[in-house]
C-alpha atoms as a PDB file:
ATOM      1  CA  UNK A   1      75.594  85.365 210.183  1.00  0.00           C
ATOM      2  CA  UNK A   2      72.854  87.859 209.375  1.00  0.00           C
ATOM      3  CA  UNK A   3      71.463  90.369 211.853  1.00  0.00           C
ATOM      4  CA  UNK A   4      68.238  91.233 210.066  1.00  0.00           C
ATOM      5  CA  UNK A   5      66.714  94.580 210.979  1.00  0.00           C
ATOM      6  CA  UNK A   6      63.450  94.283 212.961  1.00  0.00           C
ATOM      7  CA  UNK A   7      62.932  90.681 211.827  1.00  0.00           C
ATOM      8  CA  UNK A   8      60.559  88.317 213.575  1.00  0.00           C
ATOM      9  CA  UNK A   9      58.095  85.629 212.561  1.00  0.00           C
ATOM     10  CA  UNK A  10      54.985  87.644 211.698  1.00  0.00           C
ATOM     11  CA  UNK A  11      53.003  84.445 211.952  1.00  0.00           C
ATOM     12  CA  UNK A  12      53.049  85.131 215.664  1.00  0.00           C
ATOM     13  CA  UNK A  13      50.708  88.058 214.919  1.00  0.00           C
ATOM     14  CA  UNK A  14      48.455  85.928 212.759  1.00  0.00           C
ATOM     15  CA  UNK A  15      49.300  82.483 211.288  1.00  0.00           C
ATOM     16  CA  UNK A  16      48.005  83.546 207.876  1.00  0.00           C
ATOM     17  CA  UNK A  17      50.485  86.431 207.741  1.00  0.00           C
ATOM     18  CA  UNK A  18      53.436  84.137 208.387  1.00  0.00           C
ATOM     19  CA  UNK A  19      52.369  81.594 205.787  1.00  0.00           C
ATOM     20  CA  UNK A  20      51.964  84.246 203.112  1.00  0.00           C
ATOM     21  CA  UNK A  21      55.021  86.365 203.799  1.00  0.00           C
ATOM     22  CA  UNK A  22      57.730  84.028 205.074  1.00  0.00           C
ATOM     23  CA  UNK A  23      57.959  80.913 202.878  1.00  0.00           C
ATOM     24  CA  UNK A  24      61.780  80.860 202.987  1.00  0.00           C
ATOM     25  CA  UNK A  25      61.896  81.278 206.757  1.00  0.00           C
ATOM     26  CA  UNK A  26      59.341  78.512 207.218  1.00  0.00           C
ATOM     27  CA  UNK A  27      61.291  76.209 204.905  1.00  0.00           C
ATOM     28  CA  UNK A  28      64.543  77.110 206.631  1.00  0.00           C
ATOM     29  CA  UNK A  29      63.117  76.111 210.003  1.00  0.00           C
ATOM     30  CA  UNK A  30      62.189  72.657 208.697  1.00  0.00           C
ATOM     31  CA  UNK A  31      65.845  72.108 207.716  1.00  0.00           C
ATOM     32  CA  UNK A  32      67.554  74.039 210.492  1.00  0.00           C
ATOM     33  CA  UNK A  33      69.838  72.652 213.149  1.00  0.00           C
ATOM     34  CA  UNK A  34      68.258  75.049 215.653  1.00  0.00           C
ATOM     35  CA  UNK A  35      65.423  77.551 215.543  1.00  0.00           C
ATOM     36  CA  UNK A  36      63.235  79.387 217.988  1.00  0.00           C
ATOM     37  CA  UNK A  37      62.732  82.650 219.825  1.00  0.00           C
ATOM     38  CA  UNK A  38      65.737  84.863 220.502  1.00  0.00           C
ATOM     39  CA  UNK A  39      65.756  86.757 223.787  1.00  0.00           C
ATOM     40  CA  UNK A  40      67.168  90.151 222.812  1.00  0.00           C
ATOM     41  CA  UNK A  41      68.161  93.090 225.048  1.00  0.00           C
ATOM     42  CA  UNK A  42      66.035  95.758 223.353  1.00  0.00           C
ATOM     43  CA  UNK A  43      62.554  96.339 221.978  1.00  0.00           C
ATOM     44  CA  UNK A  44      61.919  98.549 218.958  1.00  0.00           C
ATOM     45  CA  UNK A  45      65.465  99.972 218.907  1.00  0.00           C
ATOM     46  CA  UNK A  46      68.983  99.631 220.370  1.00  0.00           C
ATOM     47  CA  UNK A  47      70.383  97.350 217.681  1.00  0.00           C
ATOM     48  CA  UNK A  48      73.910  97.601 219.076  1.00  0.00           C
ATOM     49  CA  UNK A  49      72.879  95.921 222.339  1.00  0.00           C
ATOM     50  CA  UNK A  50      71.866  92.725 220.555  1.00  0.00           C
ATOM     51  CA  UNK A  51      74.822  93.026 218.200  1.00  0.00           C
ATOM     52  CA  UNK A  52      77.312  93.292 221.050  1.00  0.00           C
ATOM     53  CA  UNK A  53      75.751  90.360 222.899  1.00  0.00           C
ATOM     54  CA  UNK A  54      75.810  88.098 219.834  1.00  0.00           C
ATOM     55  CA  UNK A  55      79.367  88.974 218.836  1.00  0.00           C
ATOM     56  CA  UNK A  56      80.940  88.817 222.300  1.00  0.00           C
ATOM     57  CA  UNK A  57      78.876  86.251 224.167  1.00  0.00           C
ATOM     58  CA  UNK A  58      78.735  88.558 227.179  1.00  0.00           C
ATOM     59  CA  UNK A  59      75.393  88.801 229.051  1.00  0.00           C
ATOM     60  CA  UNK A  60      74.001  92.262 229.680  1.00  0.00           C
ATOM     61  CA  UNK A  61      73.911  91.509 233.393  1.00  0.00           C
ATOM     62  CA  UNK A  62      77.705  91.805 233.409  1.00  0.00           C
ATOM     63  CA  UNK A  63      77.838  95.227 231.753  1.00  0.00           C
ATOM     64  CA  UNK A  64      76.320  97.570 234.313  1.00  0.00           C
ATOM     65  CA  UNK A  65      75.317 100.917 232.798  1.00  0.00           C
ATOM     66  CA  UNK A  66      77.420 100.148 229.729  1.00  0.00           C
ATOM     67  CA  UNK A  67      74.658  97.807 228.596  1.00  0.00           C
ATOM     68  CA  UNK A  68      72.754 100.801 227.192  1.00  0.00           C
ATOM     69  CA  UNK A  69      75.491 101.459 224.624  1.00  0.00           C
ATOM     70  CA  UNK A  70      78.259  98.874 224.957  1.00  0.00           C
ATOM     71  CA  UNK A  71      80.094 100.197 221.907  1.00  0.00           C
ATOM     72  CA  UNK A  72      80.685 103.604 223.472  1.00  0.00           C
ATOM     73  CA  UNK A  73      83.163 102.439 226.095  1.00  0.00           C
ATOM     74  CA  UNK A  74      83.754  98.735 225.686  1.00  0.00           C
ATOM     75  CA  UNK A  75      84.539  98.115 222.032  1.00  0.00           C
ATOM     76  CA  UNK A  76      87.152 100.777 221.271  1.00  0.00           C
ATOM     77  CA  UNK A  77      90.066  98.527 222.147  1.00  0.00           C
ATOM     78  CA  UNK A  78      90.372  94.813 221.317  1.00  0.00           C
ATOM     79  CA  UNK A  79      87.842  92.844 223.339  1.00  0.00           C
ATOM     80  CA  UNK A  80      87.330  89.096 223.571  1.00  0.00           C
ATOM     81  CA  UNK A  81      84.691  87.988 221.114  1.00  0.00           C
ATOM     82  CA  UNK A  82      83.418  85.152 218.990  1.00  0.00           C
ATOM     83  CA  UNK A  83      84.913  86.963 215.988  1.00  0.00           C
ATOM     84  CA  UNK A  84      88.405  86.778 217.494  1.00  0.00           C
ATOM     85  CA  UNK A  85      87.901  83.058 218.101  1.00  0.00           C
ATOM     86  CA  UNK A  86      87.345  82.550 214.382  1.00  0.00           C
ATOM     87  CA  UNK A  87      90.088  84.914 213.326  1.00  0.00           C
ATOM     88  CA  UNK A  88      92.612  83.192 215.561  1.00  0.00           C
ATOM     89  CA  UNK A  89      91.521  79.877 214.035  1.00  0.00           C
ATOM     90  CA  UNK A  90      92.501  81.181 210.605  1.00  0.00           C
ATOM     91  CA  UNK A  91      89.214  82.610 209.360  1.00  0.00           C
ATOM     92  CA  UNK A  92      88.977  85.825 207.415  1.00  0.00           C
ATOM     93  CA  UNK A  93      86.449  88.001 209.260  1.00  0.00           C
ATOM     94  CA  UNK A  94      84.298  90.471 207.304  1.00  0.00           C
ATOM     95  CA  UNK A  95      81.454  92.755 208.349  1.00  0.00           C
ATOM     96  CA  UNK A  96      78.958  94.188 205.825  1.00  0.00           C
ATOM     97  CA  UNK A  97      76.622  97.060 206.689  1.00  0.00           C
ATOM     98  CA  UNK A  98      75.036  99.314 204.013  1.00  0.00           C
ATOM     99  CA  UNK A  99      75.078 102.420 206.214  1.00  0.00           C
ATOM    100  CA  UNK A 100      77.644 104.830 207.608  1.00  0.00           C
ATOM    101  CA  UNK A 101      80.498 103.100 209.425  1.00  0.00           C
ATOM    102  CA  UNK A 102      80.510 105.915 211.958  1.00  0.00           C
ATOM    103  CA  UNK A 103      76.984 105.189 213.181  1.00  0.00           C
ATOM    104  CA  UNK A 104      77.308 103.715 216.696  1.00  0.00           C
ATOM    105  CA  UNK A 105      81.039 104.198 215.953  1.00  0.00           C
ATOM    106  CA  UNK A 106      81.183 100.810 214.319  1.00  0.00           C
ATOM    107  CA  UNK A 107      84.292 102.105 212.551  1.00  0.00           C
ATOM    108  CA  UNK A 108      86.003 101.686 215.934  1.00  0.00           C
ATOM    109  CA  UNK A 109      83.969  98.805 217.326  1.00  0.00           C
ATOM    110  CA  UNK A 110      84.228  96.317 214.467  1.00  0.00           C
ATOM    111  CA  UNK A 111      88.048  96.179 214.371  1.00  0.00           C
ATOM    112  CA  UNK A 112      88.078  95.921 218.172  1.00  0.00           C
ATOM    113  CA  UNK A 113      85.668  92.982 217.972  1.00  0.00           C
ATOM    114  CA  UNK A 114      87.993  91.179 215.558  1.00  0.00           C
ATOM    115  CA  UNK A 115      86.847  92.054 212.034  1.00  0.00           C
ATOM    116  CA  UNK A 116      89.734  92.525 209.634  1.00  0.00           C
ATOM    117  CA  UNK A 117      87.448  94.027 206.942  1.00  0.00           C
ATOM    118  CA  UNK A 118      84.436  96.337 207.366  1.00  0.00           C
ATOM    119  CA  UNK A 119      82.432  97.217 204.244  1.00  0.00           C
ATOM    120  CA  UNK A 120      79.937 100.029 204.796  1.00  0.00           C
ATOM    121  CA  UNK A 121      77.750 102.157 202.508  1.00  0.00           C
ATOM    122  CA  UNK A 122      80.789 103.601 200.735  1.00  0.00           C
ATOM    123  CA  UNK A 123      81.671 100.137 199.460  1.00  0.00           C
ATOM    124  CA  UNK A 124      78.203  98.580 199.273  1.00  0.00           C
ATOM    125  CA  UNK A 125      75.972 101.509 198.390  1.00  0.00           C
ATOM    126  CA  UNK A 126      72.970 102.452 200.439  1.00  0.00           C
ATOM    127  CA  UNK A 127      70.878 105.430 201.443  1.00  0.00           C
ATOM    128  CA  UNK A 128      71.045 107.408 204.686  1.00  0.00           C
ATOM    129  CA  UNK A 129      67.231 107.560 204.762  1.00  0.00           C
ATOM    130  CA  UNK A 130      64.357 105.316 203.613  1.00  0.00           C
ATOM    131  CA  UNK A 131      64.250 103.446 201.352  1.00  0.00           C
ATOM    132  CA  UNK A 132      67.436 101.767 202.558  1.00  0.00           C
ATOM    133  CA  UNK A 133      69.446  99.115 200.739  1.00  0.00           C
ATOM    134  CA  UNK A 134      67.011  96.301 199.932  1.00  0.00           C
ATOM    135  CA  UNK A 135      67.769  93.025 201.703  1.00  0.00           C
ATOM    136  CA  UNK A 136      67.716  90.776 198.572  1.00  0.00           C
ATOM    137  CA  UNK A 137      70.243  93.075 196.859  1.00  0.00           C
ATOM    138  CA  UNK A 138      72.451  92.935 199.939  1.00  0.00           C
ATOM    139  CA  UNK A 139      72.215  89.127 199.946  1.00  0.00           C
ATOM    140  CA  UNK A 140      73.619  89.009 196.424  1.00  0.00           C
ATOM    141  CA  UNK A 141      76.474  91.271 197.521  1.00  0.00           C
ATOM    142  CA  UNK A 142      77.160  88.924 200.427  1.00  0.00           C
ATOM    143  CA  UNK A 143      77.548  86.021 198.027  1.00  0.00           C
ATOM    144  CA  UNK A 144      79.932  88.031 195.838  1.00  0.00           C
ATOM    145  CA  UNK A 145      82.036  88.890 198.890  1.00  0.00           C
ATOM    146  CA  UNK A 146      82.046  85.224 199.868  1.00  0.00           C
ATOM    147  CA  UNK A 147      83.239  84.254 196.394  1.00  0.00           C
ATOM    148  CA  UNK A 148      86.120  86.701 196.703  1.00  0.00           C
ATOM    149  CA  UNK A 149      87.000  85.738 200.269  1.00  0.00           C
ATOM    150  CA  UNK A 150      86.969  81.995 199.693  1.00  0.00           C
ATOM    151  CA  UNK A 151      86.697  79.231 202.252  1.00  0.00           C
ATOM    152  CA  UNK A 152      87.294  79.734 205.980  1.00  0.00           C
ATOM    153  CA  UNK A 153      85.517  83.079 205.907  1.00  0.00           C
ATOM    154  CA  UNK A 154      83.155  84.530 208.484  1.00  0.00           C
ATOM    155  CA  UNK A 155      80.776  87.171 207.157  1.00  0.00           C
ATOM    156  CA  UNK A 156      78.601  89.173 209.541  1.00  0.00           C
ATOM    157  CA  UNK A 157      75.803  91.141 207.877  1.00  0.00           C
ATOM    158  CA  UNK A 158      73.891  94.023 209.470  1.00  0.00           C
ATOM    159  CA  UNK A 159      70.883  94.792 207.286  1.00  0.00           C
ATOM    160  CA  UNK A 160      69.064  98.121 206.913  1.00  0.00           C
ATOM    161  CA  UNK A 161      66.307  97.263 204.439  1.00  0.00           C
ATOM    162  CA  UNK A 162      63.453  97.101 206.959  1.00  0.00           C
ATOM    163  CA  UNK A 163      64.551  99.844 209.318  1.00  0.00           C
ATOM    164  CA  UNK A 164      61.874 102.296 210.430  1.00  0.00           C
ATOM    165  CA  UNK A 165      60.239 104.672 210.162  1.00  0.00           C
ATOM    166  CA  UNK A 166      57.693 102.820 208.055  1.00  0.00           C
ATOM    167  CA  UNK A 167      56.191 105.767 206.226  1.00  0.00           C
ATOM    168  CA  UNK A 168      52.752 105.920 204.611  1.00  0.00           C
ATOM    169  CA  UNK A 169      54.252 107.270 201.407  1.00  0.00           C
ATOM    170  CA  UNK A 170      56.857 105.398 199.429  1.00  0.00           C
ATOM    171  CA  UNK A 171      57.254 102.746 196.790  1.00  0.00           C
ATOM    172  CA  UNK A 172      54.098 100.707 196.048  1.00  0.00           C
ATOM    173  CA  UNK A 173      53.417  97.930 198.547  1.00  0.00           C
ATOM    174  CA  UNK A 174      53.026  94.408 197.189  1.00  0.00           C
ATOM    175  CA  UNK A 175      49.282  93.638 196.769  1.00  0.00           C
ATOM    176  CA  UNK A 176      49.909  90.326 198.543  1.00  0.00           C
ATOM    177  CA  UNK A 177      50.676  92.366 201.670  1.00  0.00           C
ATOM    178  CA  UNK A 178      47.740  94.764 201.402  1.00  0.00           C
ATOM    179  CA  UNK A 179      45.361  91.777 201.187  1.00  0.00           C
ATOM    180  CA  UNK A 180      46.504  90.361 204.523  1.00  0.00           C
ATOM    181  CA  UNK A 181      44.456  92.704 206.712  1.00  0.00           C
ATOM    182  CA  UNK A 182      42.404  95.901 206.530  1.00  0.00           C
ATOM    183  CA  UNK A 183      44.869  98.672 207.362  1.00  0.00           C
ATOM    184  CA  UNK A 184      42.007 101.107 207.896  1.00  0.00           C
ATOM    185  CA  UNK A 185      40.832  99.353 211.064  1.00  0.00           C
ATOM    186  CA  UNK A 186      44.268  98.583 212.559  1.00  0.00           C
ATOM    187  CA  UNK A 187      46.092 101.306 214.544  1.00  0.00           C
ATOM    188  CA  UNK A 188      49.387 102.028 212.755  1.00  0.00           C
ATOM    189  CA  UNK A 189      47.919  99.932 209.956  1.00  0.00           C
ATOM    190  CA  UNK A 190      49.740 101.698 207.117  1.00  0.00           C
ATOM    191  CA  UNK A 191      53.046 101.479 208.986  1.00  0.00           C
ATOM    192  CA  UNK A 192      52.426  97.774 209.617  1.00  0.00           C
ATOM    193  CA  UNK A 193      51.777  97.241 205.903  1.00  0.00           C
ATOM    194  CA  UNK A 194      55.047  98.974 205.064  1.00  0.00           C
ATOM    195  CA  UNK A 195      56.882  96.908 207.680  1.00  0.00           C
ATOM    196  CA  UNK A 196      55.421  93.619 206.416  1.00  0.00           C
ATOM    197  CA  UNK A 197      56.379  94.551 202.859  1.00  0.00           C
ATOM    198  CA  UNK A 198      59.960  94.953 204.090  1.00  0.00           C
ATOM    199  CA  UNK A 199      59.698  91.678 206.003  1.00  0.00           C
ATOM    200  CA  UNK A 200      58.760  89.957 202.745  1.00  0.00           C
ATOM    201  CA  UNK A 201      62.014  91.205 201.226  1.00  0.00           C
ATOM    202  CA  UNK A 202      63.953  90.011 204.285  1.00  0.00           C
ATOM    203  CA  UNK A 203      62.501  86.566 203.623  1.00  0.00           C
ATOM    204  CA  UNK A 204      63.669  86.857 200.008  1.00  0.00           C
ATOM    205  CA  UNK A 205      67.131  87.628 201.345  1.00  0.00           C
ATOM    206  CA  UNK A 206      67.099  84.395 203.329  1.00  0.00           C
ATOM    207  CA  UNK A 207      66.025  82.466 200.215  1.00  0.00           C
ATOM    208  CA  UNK A 208      68.876  83.991 198.171  1.00  0.00           C
ATOM    209  CA  UNK A 209      71.434  83.114 200.842  1.00  0.00           C
ATOM    210  CA  UNK A 210      70.218  79.542 201.327  1.00  0.00           C
ATOM    211  CA  UNK A 211      70.270  78.885 197.586  1.00  0.00           C
ATOM    212  CA  UNK A 212      73.634  80.590 197.103  1.00  0.00           C
ATOM    213  CA  UNK A 213      75.299  78.756 199.972  1.00  0.00           C
ATOM    214  CA  UNK A 214      73.988  75.398 198.802  1.00  0.00           C
ATOM    215  CA  UNK A 215      75.549  76.033 195.401  1.00  0.00           C
ATOM    216  CA  UNK A 216      78.902  77.194 196.799  1.00  0.00           C
ATOM    217  CA  UNK A 217      79.673  75.506 200.112  1.00  0.00           C
ATOM    218  CA  UNK A 218      78.585  72.077 201.248  1.00  0.00           C
ATOM    219  CA  UNK A 219      79.831  72.838 204.736  1.00  0.00           C
ATOM    220  CA  UNK A 220      78.435  76.374 204.964  1.00  0.00           C
ATOM    221  CA  UNK A 221      76.674  77.446 208.151  1.00  0.00           C
ATOM    222  CA  UNK A 222      74.095  80.239 208.232  1.00  0.00           C
ATOM    223  CA  UNK A 223      72.754  82.048 211.281  1.00  0.00           C
ATOM    224  CA  UNK A 224      69.852  84.457 210.691  1.00  0.00           C
ATOM    225  CA  UNK A 225      68.125  86.451 213.427  1.00  0.00           C
ATOM    226  CA  UNK A 226      66.235  89.629 214.236  1.00  0.00           C
ATOM    227  CA  UNK A 227      67.937  92.327 216.288  1.00  0.00           C
ATOM    228  CA  UNK A 228      64.667  93.398 217.918  1.00  0.00           C
ATOM    229  CA  UNK A 229      60.969  93.701 217.195  1.00  0.00           C
ATOM    230  CA  UNK A 230      59.699  96.742 215.262  1.00  0.00           C
ATOM    231  CA  UNK A 231      58.297  99.651 217.235  1.00  0.00           C
ATOM    232  CA  UNK A 232      54.643  99.198 216.280  1.00  0.00           C
ATOM    233  CA  UNK A 233      53.010  98.900 219.718  1.00  0.00           C
ATOM    234  CA  UNK A 234      49.496 100.000 218.749  1.00  0.00           C
ATOM    235  CA  UNK A 235      49.317  97.602 215.809  1.00  0.00           C
ATOM    236  CA  UNK A 236      50.618  94.763 217.954  1.00  0.00           C
ATOM    237  CA  UNK A 237      48.093  95.542 220.671  1.00  0.00           C
ATOM    238  CA  UNK A 238      45.317  95.282 218.078  1.00  0.00           C
ATOM    239  CA  UNK A 239      46.434  91.700 217.357  1.00  0.00           C
ATOM    240  CA  UNK A 240      46.813  90.917 221.065  1.00  0.00           C
ATOM    241  CA  UNK A 241      50.567  90.485 220.650  1.00  0.00           C
ATOM    242  CA  UNK A 242      52.842  91.491 223.532  1.00  0.00           C
ATOM    243  CA  UNK A 243      55.900  89.251 223.170  1.00  0.00           C
ATOM    244  CA  UNK A 244      59.367  90.871 223.359  1.00  0.00           C
ATOM    245  CA  UNK A 245      61.540  88.303 221.556  1.00  0.00           C
ATOM    246  CA  UNK A 246      62.655  88.054 217.929  1.00  0.00           C
ATOM    247  CA  UNK A 247      63.281  84.789 216.026  1.00  0.00           C
ATOM    248  CA  UNK A 248      66.321  82.962 214.691  1.00  0.00           C
ATOM    249  CA  UNK A 249      67.450  79.989 212.607  1.00  0.00           C
ATOM    250  CA  UNK A 250      70.790  78.185 212.424  1.00  0.00           C
ATOM    251  CA  UNK A 251      70.906  76.279 209.135  1.00  0.00           C
ATOM    252  CA  UNK A 252      71.356  73.559 207.923  1.00  0.00           C
ATOM    253  CA  UNK A 253      70.706  70.687 210.296  1.00  0.00           C
ATOM    254  CA  UNK A 254      73.336  68.316 208.945  1.00  0.00           C
ATOM    255  CA  UNK A 255      73.059  64.784 210.297  1.00  0.00           C
ATOM    256  CA  UNK A 256      71.038  65.787 213.358  1.00  0.00           C
ATOM    257  CA  UNK A 257      67.265  66.341 213.181  1.00  0.00           C
ATOM    258  CA  UNK A 258      65.994  69.935 213.467  1.00  0.00           C
ATOM    259  CA  UNK A 259      65.678  71.177 217.043  1.00  0.00           C
ATOM    260  CA  UNK A 260      63.393  73.876 218.461  1.00  0.00           C
ATOM    261  CA  UNK A 261      65.156  75.785 221.230  1.00  0.00           C
ATOM    262  CA  UNK A 262      64.794  79.319 222.532  1.00  0.00           C
ATOM    263  CA  UNK A 263      68.108  81.156 222.997  1.00  0.00           C
ATOM    264  CA  UNK A 264      69.476  84.282 224.621  1.00  0.00           C
ATOM    265  CA  UNK A 265      71.273  86.691 222.304  1.00  0.00           C
ATOM    266  CA  UNK A 266      74.620  86.244 224.059  1.00  0.00           C
ATOM    267  CA  UNK A 267      74.464  82.465 223.424  1.00  0.00           C
ATOM    268  CA  UNK A 268      73.637  82.705 219.721  1.00  0.00           C
ATOM    269  CA  UNK A 269      77.021  83.645 218.274  1.00  0.00           C
ATOM    270  CA  UNK A 270      78.906  81.280 220.556  1.00  0.00           C
ATOM    271  CA  UNK A 271      76.767  78.316 219.478  1.00  0.00           C
ATOM    272  CA  UNK A 272      77.472  79.059 215.816  1.00  0.00           C
ATOM    273  CA  UNK A 273      81.208  79.475 216.376  1.00  0.00           C
ATOM    274  CA  UNK A 274      81.309  76.286 218.469  1.00  0.00           C
ATOM    275  CA  UNK A 275      79.732  74.445 215.553  1.00  0.00           C
ATOM    276  CA  UNK A 276      82.092  76.023 213.024  1.00  0.00           C
ATOM    277  CA  UNK A 277      85.155  75.104 215.077  1.00  0.00           C
ATOM    278  CA  UNK A 278      83.882  71.684 216.054  1.00  0.00           C
ATOM    279  CA  UNK A 279      83.615  72.537 219.759  1.00  0.00           C
ATOM    280  CA  UNK A 280      81.459  70.329 221.939  1.00  0.00           C
ATOM    281  CA  UNK A 281      78.619  71.452 224.177  1.00  0.00           C
ATOM    282  CA  UNK A 282      77.693  74.901 225.389  1.00  0.00           C
ATOM    283  CA  UNK A 283      81.162  76.059 226.362  1.00  0.00           C
ATOM    284  CA  UNK A 284      81.923  79.469 227.807  1.00  0.00           C
ATOM    285  CA  UNK A 285      83.461  82.263 225.792  1.00  0.00           C
ATOM    286  CA  UNK A 286      86.934  81.438 227.102  1.00  0.00           C
ATOM    287  CA  UNK A 287      89.507  82.525 229.637  1.00  0.00           C
ATOM    288  CA  UNK A 288      90.410  85.693 227.739  1.00  0.00           C
ATOM    289  CA  UNK A 289      87.368  87.642 228.971  1.00  0.00           C
ATOM    290  CA  UNK A 290      87.297  89.261 232.387  1.00  0.00           C
ATOM    291  CA  UNK A 291      85.501  91.922 234.352  1.00  0.00           C
ATOM    292  CA  UNK A 292      87.540  94.764 235.776  1.00  0.00           C
ATOM    293  CA  UNK A 293      86.634  98.021 237.448  1.00  0.00           C
ATOM    294  CA  UNK A 294      87.050 101.164 235.401  1.00  0.00           C
ATOM    295  CA  UNK A 295      86.298 104.631 236.792  1.00  0.00           C
ATOM    296  CA  UNK A 296      84.042 103.069 239.366  1.00  0.00           C
ATOM    297  CA  UNK A 297      81.931 101.276 236.724  1.00  0.00           C
ATOM    298  CA  UNK A 298      82.130  97.525 236.175  1.00  0.00           C
ATOM    299  CA  UNK A 299      82.918  97.039 232.495  1.00  0.00           C
ATOM    300  CA  UNK A 300      84.162  94.371 230.155  1.00  0.00           C
ATOM    301  CA  UNK A 301      87.579  95.459 228.891  1.00  0.00           C
ATOM    302  CA  UNK A 302      89.522  92.237 228.495  1.00  0.00           C
ATOM    303  CA  UNK A 303      91.428  92.106 225.227  1.00  0.00           C
ATOM    304  CA  UNK A 304      91.596  89.097 223.005  1.00  0.00           C
ATOM    305  CA  UNK A 305      95.362  89.284 222.902  1.00  0.00           C
END
């Protein structure tokens, strides 16, 4: 399951942009079990809000003020999650993130959410400032980790490759991107070019993973989604784009035909885990989660044990 930084279908800005930049994503959707918009808690930032929703299955409406940073209070002791469901079913659970483990205190949150291994920048490499670890390179590392972990493994990937700020100066932008629109007449045009160049590499990541999984695992399941839209409001306004949701795919389709369905972030992880474990229907997270009062604030503190 890949949480891809600032990913969305840029064809929603302009169909020509999506066709040029996202061939793997477009192919993936034609073969996906499910695809569509993903209703995420944040816009332009607040990755951990989407992350927490996907991994736990808990709606933000149940978090009170903790929704603004659920990791700060809620994920420092074991908490019921989709990760624990897999771990208790015998899966090895691994998180990869090419950045500091202490950011958002993921060093505390990931074990509490059920990951038995957390590989950060110390293990994977990666810069603390742009340019970050490129998504295609990270995809190849994911496949190496999968080879080492073997079957019955759950790997959650938090990418950094297309994280802002999208600076004017940097490595050369692919000419295929600069031909898509005239950056001189678009507000934040240079930043949008830089973002779309990163989006192209995110699409390459998806292509690497699809190909690698097809070669390794006939029964592999891949979920790929954007944590939030990029903070490029002036560029989006120029294109008349004001939608708040990212996009997702759950691949492959298997015996069933592809289905287009918009999802909420807190449903995404549960649907994937249900499919992995052979569960039927849109079941709830389980009886192990509960809401209790803590210091006068309603918070989710139920442990998975």
